Amino acid sequence: MGLEVTEEDVYQLVEEHDRDLTTEELVELQKEAMEEQTAFEEEEEEMSEEQLSSTALKEACQMWVNLQTFVQQRHPDKALAHRPVSSFDTDIMSPFRGMLKRRQRQQTMERFLQKQPRHEEELACVSAAQLPSSNSSSKKR
């Protein structure tokens, strides 16, 4: 790559790392690290969401509801069964339900945005169709 490191560069780097940071600088570094971590987690979540189809998510959620109902109704010790079922529901199934809800909201928004231009076009067509007739009726007077 043609990069050369001199002794001056090394000393400068060591000096920068030896310098004590102020509280504000530490807070800023921590904030940047948190933002990077959040961005990484969001990217990871988006990638995993893309791998699952909405149909598969719906099916998984429905299977969980069926199993949850079965266990709650038929387990001999309902109190014992309630805790792990509730924990699994909260810890494991919540992200999948969240993915499904986000997709449904996104689909709703996309449908709304797609219908809006058509509606505007229809209004423009109706207005354009009315203009000649209103002009012609004013000319006849």
N, C-alpha and C. Protein backbone atom coordinates (compact mmCIF):
# COMPACT_ATOMS: atom_id res chain seq x y z
N MET A 1 0.82 -1.19 0.00
CA MET A 1 0.00 0.00 0.00
C MET A 1 0.86 1.26 0.00
N GLY A 2 2.12 1.12 0.32
CA GLY A 2 3.01 2.26 0.27
C GLY A 2 2.92 3.16 1.50
N LEU A 3 2.45 2.66 2.61
CA LEU A 3 2.38 3.46 3.83
C LEU A 3 3.68 3.30 4.61
N GLU A 4 4.21 4.42 5.05
CA GLU A 4 5.44 4.38 5.83
C GLU A 4 5.15 4.94 7.21
N VAL A 5 5.65 4.26 8.23
CA VAL A 5 5.49 4.71 9.61
C VAL A 5 6.85 5.13 10.12
N THR A 6 6.91 6.36 10.58
CA THR A 6 8.18 6.88 11.11
C THR A 6 8.14 6.85 12.63
N GLU A 7 9.33 7.10 13.23
CA GLU A 7 9.40 7.15 14.69
C GLU A 7 8.55 8.29 15.22
N GLU A 8 8.49 9.38 14.47
CA GLU A 8 7.67 10.52 14.87
C GLU A 8 6.20 10.13 14.98
N ASP A 9 5.73 9.35 14.02
CA ASP A 9 4.34 8.89 14.03
C ASP A 9 4.07 8.04 15.27
N VAL A 10 5.01 7.17 15.59
CA VAL A 10 4.85 6.30 16.75
C VAL A 10 4.81 7.13 18.02
N TYR A 11 5.74 8.08 18.18
CA TYR A 11 5.76 8.94 19.38
C TYR A 11 4.48 9.75 19.50
N GLN A 12 4.01 10.26 18.37
CA GLN A 12 2.77 11.05 18.39
C GLN A 12 1.59 10.18 18.84
N LEU A 13 1.52 8.98 18.34
CA LEU A 13 0.44 8.06 18.72
C LEU A 13 0.51 7.72 20.21
N VAL A 14 1.72 7.46 20.71
CA VAL A 14 1.90 7.15 22.13
C VAL A 14 1.50 8.34 22.99
N GLU A 15 1.88 9.55 22.58
CA GLU A 15 1.52 10.76 23.33
C GLU A 15 0.01 10.94 23.40
N GLU A 16 -0.68 10.69 22.28
CA GLU A 16 -2.13 10.83 22.26
C GLU A 16 -2.79 9.83 23.20
N HIS A 17 -2.25 8.64 23.30
CA HIS A 17 -2.84 7.62 24.16
C HIS A 17 -2.46 7.82 25.63
N ASP A 18 -1.37 8.51 25.90
CA ASP A 18 -0.97 8.80 27.27
C ASP A 18 -1.77 9.94 27.87
N ARG A 19 -2.34 10.77 27.04
CA ARG A 19 -3.08 11.95 27.51
C ARG A 19 -4.33 11.51 28.25
N ASP A 20 -4.60 12.12 29.42
CA ASP A 20 -5.82 11.83 30.17
C ASP A 20 -6.99 12.53 29.51
N LEU A 21 -8.10 11.81 29.40
CA LEU A 21 -9.29 12.37 28.78
C LEU A 21 -10.15 13.06 29.83
N THR A 22 -10.83 14.11 29.40
CA THR A 22 -11.76 14.79 30.30
C THR A 22 -13.04 13.97 30.39
N THR A 23 -13.87 14.30 31.35
CA THR A 23 -15.14 13.60 31.51
C THR A 23 -15.99 13.75 30.27
N GLU A 24 -16.00 14.96 29.69
CA GLU A 24 -16.79 15.20 28.48
C GLU A 24 -16.31 14.33 27.32
N GLU A 25 -14.98 14.20 27.19
CA GLU A 25 -14.44 13.37 26.11
C GLU A 25 -14.80 11.89 26.32
N LEU A 26 -14.74 11.45 27.57
CA LEU A 26 -15.10 10.06 27.86
C LEU A 26 -16.58 9.81 27.57
N VAL A 27 -17.43 10.77 27.95
CA VAL A 27 -18.86 10.63 27.69
C VAL A 27 -19.11 10.59 26.19
N GLU A 28 -18.41 11.44 25.44
CA GLU A 28 -18.58 11.47 23.98
C GLU A 28 -18.13 10.15 23.35
N LEU A 29 -17.00 9.61 23.82
CA LEU A 29 -16.53 8.33 23.30
C LEU A 29 -17.52 7.21 23.61
N GLN A 30 -18.06 7.23 24.82
CA GLN A 30 -19.05 6.21 25.20
C GLN A 30 -20.31 6.35 24.34
N LYS A 31 -20.73 7.59 24.10
CA LYS A 31 -21.91 7.83 23.28
C LYS A 31 -21.69 7.30 21.86
N GLU A 32 -20.52 7.57 21.29
CA GLU A 32 -20.21 7.08 19.95
C GLU A 32 -20.20 5.55 19.90
N ALA A 33 -19.63 4.93 20.94
CA ALA A 33 -19.59 3.47 20.99
C ALA A 33 -21.00 2.89 21.07
N MET A 34 -21.86 3.53 21.86
CA MET A 34 -23.25 3.06 21.98
C MET A 34 -23.98 3.20 20.65
N GLU A 35 -23.76 4.32 19.95
CA GLU A 35 -24.41 4.53 18.65
C GLU A 35 -23.95 3.48 17.64
N GLU A 36 -22.66 3.18 17.64
CA GLU A 36 -22.14 2.16 16.73
C GLU A 36 -22.75 0.79 17.05
N GLN A 37 -22.84 0.47 18.34
CA GLN A 37 -23.41 -0.80 18.76
C GLN A 37 -24.88 -0.89 18.36
N THR A 38 -25.63 0.19 18.55
CA THR A 38 -27.04 0.22 18.19
C THR A 38 -27.21 0.04 16.69
N ALA A 39 -26.38 0.74 15.91
CA ALA A 39 -26.45 0.61 14.45
C ALA A 39 -26.14 -0.83 14.02
N PHE A 40 -25.14 -1.43 14.65
CA PHE A 40 -24.77 -2.81 14.33
C PHE A 40 -25.92 -3.75 14.65
N GLU A 41 -26.55 -3.58 15.82
CA GLU A 41 -27.66 -4.44 16.21
C GLU A 41 -28.85 -4.29 15.26
N GLU A 42 -29.12 -3.04 14.83
CA GLU A 42 -30.21 -2.81 13.90
C GLU A 42 -29.95 -3.48 12.56
N GLU A 43 -28.70 -3.40 12.08
CA GLU A 43 -28.34 -4.05 10.83
C GLU A 43 -28.50 -5.56 10.95
N GLU A 44 -28.06 -6.11 12.08
CA GLU A 44 -28.18 -7.54 12.31
C GLU A 44 -29.64 -7.97 12.32
N GLU A 45 -30.48 -7.16 12.99
CA GLU A 45 -31.91 -7.48 13.08
C GLU A 45 -32.55 -7.42 11.71
N GLU A 46 -32.19 -6.41 10.90
CA GLU A 46 -32.74 -6.30 9.56
C GLU A 46 -32.35 -7.49 8.71
N MET A 47 -31.09 -7.93 8.84
CA MET A 47 -30.64 -9.08 8.06
C MET A 47 -31.41 -10.33 8.46
N SER A 48 -31.64 -10.54 9.75
CA SER A 48 -32.36 -11.73 10.17
C SER A 48 -33.83 -11.64 9.77
N GLU A 49 -34.38 -10.42 9.78
CA GLU A 49 -35.77 -10.25 9.36
C GLU A 49 -35.94 -10.59 7.89
N GLU A 50 -34.96 -10.21 7.07
CA GLU A 50 -35.06 -10.45 5.64
C GLU A 50 -35.03 -11.94 5.32
N GLN A 51 -34.41 -12.74 6.18
CA GLN A 51 -34.29 -14.16 5.92
C GLN A 51 -35.60 -14.90 6.22
N LEU A 52 -36.47 -14.31 7.02
CA LEU A 52 -37.74 -14.95 7.37
C LEU A 52 -38.87 -14.31 6.58
N SER A 53 -39.69 -15.13 5.97
CA SER A 53 -40.84 -14.59 5.26
C SER A 53 -41.94 -14.25 6.26
N SER A 54 -42.82 -13.36 5.87
CA SER A 54 -43.95 -12.99 6.74
C SER A 54 -44.83 -14.20 7.00
N THR A 55 -44.97 -15.05 6.02
CA THR A 55 -45.78 -16.26 6.18
C THR A 55 -45.17 -17.17 7.25
N ALA A 56 -43.85 -17.33 7.21
CA ALA A 56 -43.17 -18.16 8.20
C ALA A 56 -43.32 -17.57 9.60
N LEU A 57 -43.24 -16.24 9.69
CA LEU A 57 -43.42 -15.59 10.99
C LEU A 57 -44.83 -15.80 11.53
N LYS A 58 -45.82 -15.64 10.65
CA LYS A 58 -47.21 -15.85 11.07
C LYS A 58 -47.42 -17.28 11.54
N GLU A 59 -46.87 -18.24 10.77
CA GLU A 59 -47.03 -19.64 11.14
C GLU A 59 -46.37 -19.94 12.48
N ALA A 60 -45.17 -19.41 12.70
CA ALA A 60 -44.46 -19.65 13.96
C ALA A 60 -45.24 -19.06 15.14
N CYS A 61 -45.75 -17.86 14.96
CA CYS A 61 -46.53 -17.23 16.03
C CYS A 61 -47.80 -18.03 16.31
N GLN A 62 -48.44 -18.52 15.28
CA GLN A 62 -49.66 -19.30 15.47
C GLN A 62 -49.35 -20.63 16.15
N MET A 63 -48.24 -21.26 15.75
CA MET A 63 -47.86 -22.51 16.41
C MET A 63 -47.59 -22.27 17.90
N TRP A 64 -46.93 -21.16 18.21
CA TRP A 64 -46.65 -20.85 19.61
C TRP A 64 -47.96 -20.63 20.39
N VAL A 65 -48.90 -19.92 19.80
CA VAL A 65 -50.19 -19.69 20.47
C VAL A 65 -50.86 -21.04 20.74
N ASN A 66 -50.84 -21.92 19.76
CA ASN A 66 -51.46 -23.25 19.92
C ASN A 66 -50.78 -24.04 21.04
N LEU A 67 -49.45 -24.04 21.04
CA LEU A 67 -48.72 -24.77 22.07
C LEU A 67 -48.95 -24.16 23.45
N GLN A 68 -48.91 -22.85 23.51
CA GLN A 68 -49.14 -22.15 24.77
C GLN A 68 -50.52 -22.49 25.34
N THR A 69 -51.53 -22.48 24.51
CA THR A 69 -52.89 -22.82 24.93
C THR A 69 -52.96 -24.26 25.41
N PHE A 70 -52.34 -25.16 24.65
CA PHE A 70 -52.34 -26.57 25.02
C PHE A 70 -51.71 -26.78 26.39
N VAL A 71 -50.53 -26.19 26.60
CA VAL A 71 -49.81 -26.37 27.87
C VAL A 71 -50.61 -25.78 29.02
N GLN A 72 -51.15 -24.58 28.82
CA GLN A 72 -51.89 -23.94 29.90
C GLN A 72 -53.17 -24.70 30.25
N GLN A 73 -53.77 -25.32 29.28
CA GLN A 73 -55.01 -26.06 29.55
C GLN A 73 -54.76 -27.46 30.08
N ARG A 74 -53.72 -28.13 29.64
CA ARG A 74 -53.57 -29.55 29.91
C ARG A 74 -52.46 -29.93 30.89
N HIS A 75 -51.57 -29.02 31.23
CA HIS A 75 -50.48 -29.37 32.14
C HIS A 75 -51.05 -29.62 33.54
N PRO A 76 -50.59 -30.70 34.20
CA PRO A 76 -51.14 -31.02 35.52
C PRO A 76 -50.86 -29.94 36.58
N ASP A 77 -49.71 -29.27 36.50
CA ASP A 77 -49.38 -28.22 37.46
C ASP A 77 -49.36 -26.89 36.70
N LYS A 78 -50.50 -26.24 36.63
CA LYS A 78 -50.64 -25.01 35.84
C LYS A 78 -49.71 -23.90 36.33
N ALA A 79 -49.51 -23.79 37.65
CA ALA A 79 -48.62 -22.77 38.19
C ALA A 79 -47.18 -23.00 37.75
N LEU A 80 -46.75 -24.26 37.76
CA LEU A 80 -45.41 -24.61 37.32
C LEU A 80 -45.22 -24.32 35.83
N ALA A 81 -46.22 -24.59 35.03
CA ALA A 81 -46.14 -24.39 33.58
C ALA A 81 -46.20 -22.90 33.21
N HIS A 82 -46.86 -22.10 34.04
CA HIS A 82 -47.07 -20.70 33.69
C HIS A 82 -45.75 -19.92 33.57
N ARG A 83 -44.83 -20.12 34.50
CA ARG A 83 -43.58 -19.35 34.50
C ARG A 83 -42.73 -19.58 33.25
N PRO A 84 -42.41 -20.82 32.88
CA PRO A 84 -41.60 -20.99 31.67
C PRO A 84 -42.33 -20.59 30.39
N VAL A 85 -43.64 -20.80 30.36
CA VAL A 85 -44.41 -20.40 29.18
C VAL A 85 -44.35 -18.88 29.03
N SER A 86 -44.55 -18.19 30.15
CA SER A 86 -44.51 -16.73 30.13
C SER A 86 -43.11 -16.22 29.76
N SER A 87 -42.10 -16.85 30.31
CA SER A 87 -40.72 -16.47 30.00
C SER A 87 -40.40 -16.68 28.52
N PHE A 88 -40.79 -17.82 27.98
CA PHE A 88 -40.55 -18.10 26.56
C PHE A 88 -41.30 -17.10 25.69
N ASP A 89 -42.52 -16.80 26.08
CA ASP A 89 -43.32 -15.85 25.32
C ASP A 89 -42.64 -14.48 25.27
N THR A 90 -42.16 -14.04 26.43
CA THR A 90 -41.54 -12.72 26.51
C THR A 90 -40.17 -12.69 25.85
N ASP A 91 -39.32 -13.64 26.21
CA ASP A 91 -37.93 -13.61 25.76
C ASP A 91 -37.72 -14.09 24.32
N ILE A 92 -38.45 -15.09 23.92
CA ILE A 92 -38.20 -15.72 22.63
C ILE A 92 -39.17 -15.25 21.55
N MET A 93 -40.44 -15.19 21.85
CA MET A 93 -41.43 -14.90 20.81
C MET A 93 -41.64 -13.41 20.55
N SER A 94 -41.36 -12.57 21.52
CA SER A 94 -41.58 -11.12 21.35
C SER A 94 -40.86 -10.54 20.14
N PRO A 95 -39.58 -10.86 19.91
CA PRO A 95 -38.93 -10.30 18.72
C PRO A 95 -39.60 -10.71 17.41
N PHE A 96 -40.09 -11.94 17.36
CA PHE A 96 -40.76 -12.40 16.14
C PHE A 96 -42.08 -11.66 15.92
N ARG A 97 -42.84 -11.46 17.01
CA ARG A 97 -44.08 -10.70 16.90
C ARG A 97 -43.77 -9.25 16.49
N GLY A 98 -42.69 -8.69 17.04
CA GLY A 98 -42.29 -7.34 16.67
C GLY A 98 -41.95 -7.23 15.19
N MET A 99 -41.21 -8.22 14.68
CA MET A 99 -40.89 -8.24 13.24
C MET A 99 -42.16 -8.25 12.41
N LEU A 100 -43.10 -9.10 12.80
CA LEU A 100 -44.35 -9.24 12.05
C LEU A 100 -45.14 -7.94 12.09
N LYS A 101 -45.21 -7.30 13.24
CA LYS A 101 -45.94 -6.03 13.35
C LYS A 101 -45.30 -4.95 12.49
N ARG A 102 -43.95 -4.88 12.52
CA ARG A 102 -43.26 -3.88 11.69
C ARG A 102 -43.55 -4.11 10.21
N ARG A 103 -43.54 -5.35 9.79
CA ARG A 103 -43.83 -5.66 8.39
C ARG A 103 -45.26 -5.29 8.03
N GLN A 104 -46.20 -5.58 8.93
CA GLN A 104 -47.59 -5.23 8.64
C GLN A 104 -47.76 -3.72 8.55
N ARG A 105 -47.11 -2.97 9.45
CA ARG A 105 -47.17 -1.51 9.38
C ARG A 105 -46.54 -1.01 8.08
N GLN A 106 -45.42 -1.61 7.70
CA GLN A 106 -44.73 -1.21 6.47
C GLN A 106 -45.62 -1.47 5.26
N GLN A 107 -46.28 -2.62 5.24
CA GLN A 107 -47.17 -2.94 4.12
C GLN A 107 -48.34 -1.97 4.07
N THR A 108 -48.86 -1.61 5.24
CA THR A 108 -49.96 -0.65 5.30
C THR A 108 -49.52 0.70 4.76
N MET A 109 -48.33 1.14 5.18
CA MET A 109 -47.81 2.42 4.69
C MET A 109 -47.57 2.37 3.19
N GLU A 110 -47.02 1.27 2.70
CA GLU A 110 -46.76 1.16 1.26
C GLU A 110 -48.07 1.21 0.47
N ARG A 111 -49.09 0.52 0.98
CA ARG A 111 -50.39 0.55 0.30
C ARG A 111 -50.96 1.96 0.30
N PHE A 112 -50.85 2.63 1.43
CA PHE A 112 -51.36 3.99 1.53
C PHE A 112 -50.64 4.90 0.55
N LEU A 113 -49.31 4.80 0.50
CA LEU A 113 -48.53 5.66 -0.39
C LEU A 113 -48.78 5.33 -1.86
N GLN A 114 -49.05 4.07 -2.15
CA GLN A 114 -49.33 3.70 -3.53
C GLN A 114 -50.70 4.19 -3.96
N LYS A 115 -51.67 4.19 -3.07
CA LYS A 115 -53.02 4.62 -3.42
C LYS A 115 -53.11 6.13 -3.53
N GLN A 116 -52.32 6.84 -2.77
CA GLN A 116 -52.39 8.30 -2.75
C GLN A 116 -52.14 8.90 -4.14
N PRO A 117 -51.07 8.51 -4.84
CA PRO A 117 -50.86 9.11 -6.16
C PRO A 117 -51.99 8.81 -7.14
N ARG A 118 -52.54 7.56 -7.08
CA ARG A 118 -53.64 7.24 -7.98
C ARG A 118 -54.83 8.14 -7.72
N HIS A 119 -55.12 8.41 -6.46
CA HIS A 119 -56.24 9.27 -6.09
C HIS A 119 -56.00 10.68 -6.62
N GLU A 120 -54.77 11.17 -6.49
CA GLU A 120 -54.45 12.50 -7.00
C GLU A 120 -54.60 12.54 -8.52
N GLU A 121 -54.17 11.46 -9.18
CA GLU A 121 -54.31 11.40 -10.64
C GLU A 121 -55.78 11.43 -11.04
N GLU A 122 -56.61 10.70 -10.30
CA GLU A 122 -58.04 10.68 -10.60
C GLU A 122 -58.63 12.07 -10.43
N LEU A 123 -58.24 12.77 -9.37
CA LEU A 123 -58.74 14.13 -9.16
C LEU A 123 -58.28 15.05 -10.29
N ALA A 124 -57.04 14.87 -10.72
CA ALA A 124 -56.53 15.69 -11.82
C ALA A 124 -57.31 15.41 -13.10
N CYS A 125 -57.61 14.14 -13.34
CA CYS A 125 -58.37 13.77 -14.53
C CYS A 125 -59.79 14.34 -14.46
N VAL A 126 -60.40 14.25 -13.30
CA VAL A 126 -61.75 14.78 -13.12
C VAL A 126 -61.75 16.28 -13.31
N SER A 127 -60.76 16.97 -12.73
CA SER A 127 -60.67 18.42 -12.87
C SER A 127 -60.44 18.82 -14.32
N ALA A 128 -59.57 18.07 -15.00
CA ALA A 128 -59.28 18.37 -16.41
C ALA A 128 -60.52 18.13 -17.26
N ALA A 129 -61.29 17.11 -16.93
CA ALA A 129 -62.50 16.81 -17.69
C ALA A 129 -63.56 17.88 -17.45
N GLN A 130 -63.57 18.47 -16.29
CA GLN A 130 -64.58 19.48 -15.98
C GLN A 130 -64.21 20.85 -16.56
N LEU A 131 -62.91 21.09 -16.74
CA LEU A 131 -62.49 22.39 -17.24
C LEU A 131 -63.06 22.71 -18.62
N PRO A 132 -62.95 21.84 -19.62
CA PRO A 132 -63.48 22.18 -20.93
C PRO A 132 -64.98 22.42 -20.90
N SER A 133 -65.72 21.64 -20.15
CA SER A 133 -67.17 21.82 -20.14
C SER A 133 -67.53 23.13 -19.45
N SER A 134 -66.81 23.52 -18.42
CA SER A 134 -67.10 24.78 -17.76
C SER A 134 -66.70 25.94 -18.64
N ASN A 135 -65.60 25.79 -19.38
CA ASN A 135 -65.17 26.84 -20.32
C ASN A 135 -66.17 26.98 -21.46
N SER A 136 -66.64 25.83 -21.97
CA SER A 136 -67.57 25.87 -23.10
C SER A 136 -68.91 26.44 -22.67
N SER A 137 -69.33 26.17 -21.43
CA SER A 137 -70.59 26.71 -20.97
C SER A 137 -70.48 28.23 -20.76
N SER A 138 -69.28 28.69 -20.36
CA SER A 138 -69.11 30.15 -20.18
C SER A 138 -69.02 30.84 -21.55
N LYS A 139 -68.53 30.12 -22.59
CA LYS A 139 -68.45 30.72 -23.92
C LYS A 139 -69.84 30.84 -24.53
N LYS A 140 -70.73 29.92 -24.21
CA LYS A 140 -72.06 29.92 -24.79
C LYS A 140 -72.87 31.09 -24.26
N ARG A 141 -72.54 31.56 -23.07
CA ARG A 141 -73.32 32.65 -22.47
C ARG A 141 -73.06 33.88 -23.20
